[in-house]
Amino acid sequence: MQLLVFGASGRVGRRICKYAHSDGHGVTAFVRDAAVRGGHHRERVGIAY
């Protein structure tokens, strides 16, 4: 399943992205500012802003 996570740079959003990716889901993290990515790695999580 492909997921889009809003608020992905926050504490809860980062965890949702981490657990969803570890379960094999495709994840796109929606963040307000591309400079603040919340520790997401482009290899694992797509970034949308």
C-alpha atoms as a PDB file:
ATOM      1  CA  MET A   1       0.000   0.000   0.000  1.00  0.00           C
ATOM      2  CA  GLN A   2       1.229   3.505  -0.803  1.00  0.00           C
ATOM      3  CA  LEU A   3       0.782   5.990   2.073  1.00  0.00           C
ATOM      4  CA  LEU A   4       0.916   9.786   2.237  1.00  0.00           C
ATOM      5  CA  VAL A   5       1.706  11.043   5.745  1.00  0.00           C
ATOM      6  CA  PHE A   6       0.845  14.665   6.564  1.00  0.00           C
ATOM      7  CA  GLY A   7       2.838  16.204   9.413  1.00  0.00           C
ATOM      8  CA  ALA A   8       5.633  13.738   8.737  1.00  0.00           C
ATOM      9  CA  SER A   9       8.360  15.906  10.244  1.00  0.00           C
ATOM     10  CA  GLY A  10       6.757  15.777  13.700  1.00  0.00           C
ATOM     11  CA  ARG A  11       7.257  13.206  16.440  1.00  0.00           C
ATOM     12  CA  VAL A  12       4.225  11.060  15.573  1.00  0.00           C
ATOM     13  CA  GLY A  13       4.596  11.465  11.797  1.00  0.00           C
ATOM     14  CA  ARG A  14       8.206  10.241  11.881  1.00  0.00           C
ATOM     15  CA  ARG A  15       7.138   7.110  13.741  1.00  0.00           C
ATOM     16  CA  ILE A  16       4.267   6.442  11.375  1.00  0.00           C
ATOM     17  CA  CYS A  17       6.663   6.699   8.414  1.00  0.00           C
ATOM     18  CA  LYS A  18       9.207   4.442  10.107  1.00  0.00           C
ATOM     19  CA  TYR A  19       6.703   1.711  11.024  1.00  0.00           C
ATOM     20  CA  ALA A  20       4.867   1.847   7.701  1.00  0.00           C
ATOM     21  CA  HIS A  21       8.130   1.512   5.785  1.00  0.00           C
ATOM     22  CA  SER A  22       9.312  -1.361   7.988  1.00  0.00           C
ATOM     23  CA  ASP A  23       5.989  -3.141   7.241  1.00  0.00           C
ATOM     24  CA  GLY A  24       6.753  -2.882   3.526  1.00  0.00           C
ATOM     25  CA  HIS A  25       4.492   0.038   2.581  1.00  0.00           C
ATOM     26  CA  GLY A  26       5.546   2.807   0.212  1.00  0.00           C
ATOM     27  CA  VAL A  27       5.632   6.100   2.098  1.00  0.00           C
ATOM     28  CA  THR A  28       5.528   9.727   0.959  1.00  0.00           C
ATOM     29  CA  ALA A  29       6.155  12.251   3.724  1.00  0.00           C
ATOM     30  CA  PHE A  30       4.362  15.594   3.325  1.00  0.00           C
ATOM     31  CA  VAL A  31       6.304  18.377   5.067  1.00  0.00           C
ATOM     32  CA  ARG A  32       5.923  22.162   5.162  1.00  0.00           C
ATOM     33  CA  ASP A  33       9.596  22.939   4.632  1.00  0.00           C
ATOM     34  CA  ALA A  34      11.898  20.692   2.584  1.00  0.00           C
ATOM     35  CA  ALA A  35      14.865  21.815   4.697  1.00  0.00           C
ATOM     36  CA  VAL A  36      13.242  20.283   7.790  1.00  0.00           C
ATOM     37  CA  ARG A  37      12.653  16.694   6.779  1.00  0.00           C
ATOM     38  CA  GLY A  38      12.422  15.226  10.247  1.00  0.00           C
ATOM     39  CA  GLY A  39      15.225  12.726   9.712  1.00  0.00           C
ATOM     40  CA  HIS A  40      13.644  11.012   6.698  1.00  0.00           C
ATOM     41  CA  HIS A  41      16.004   9.438   4.202  1.00  0.00           C
ATOM     42  CA  ARG A  42      15.180   9.801   0.514  1.00  0.00           C
ATOM     43  CA  GLU A  43      16.098   6.158  -0.102  1.00  0.00           C
ATOM     44  CA  ARG A  44      13.260   5.031   2.172  1.00  0.00           C
ATOM     45  CA  VAL A  45      10.678   7.818   2.123  1.00  0.00           C
ATOM     46  CA  GLY A  46       9.652  10.162  -0.678  1.00  0.00           C
ATOM     47  CA  ILE A  47       9.414  13.824   0.350  1.00  0.00           C
ATOM     48  CA  ALA A  48       6.636  16.155  -0.828  1.00  0.00           C
ATOM     49  CA  TYR A  49       6.452  19.856   0.053  1.00  0.00           C
END
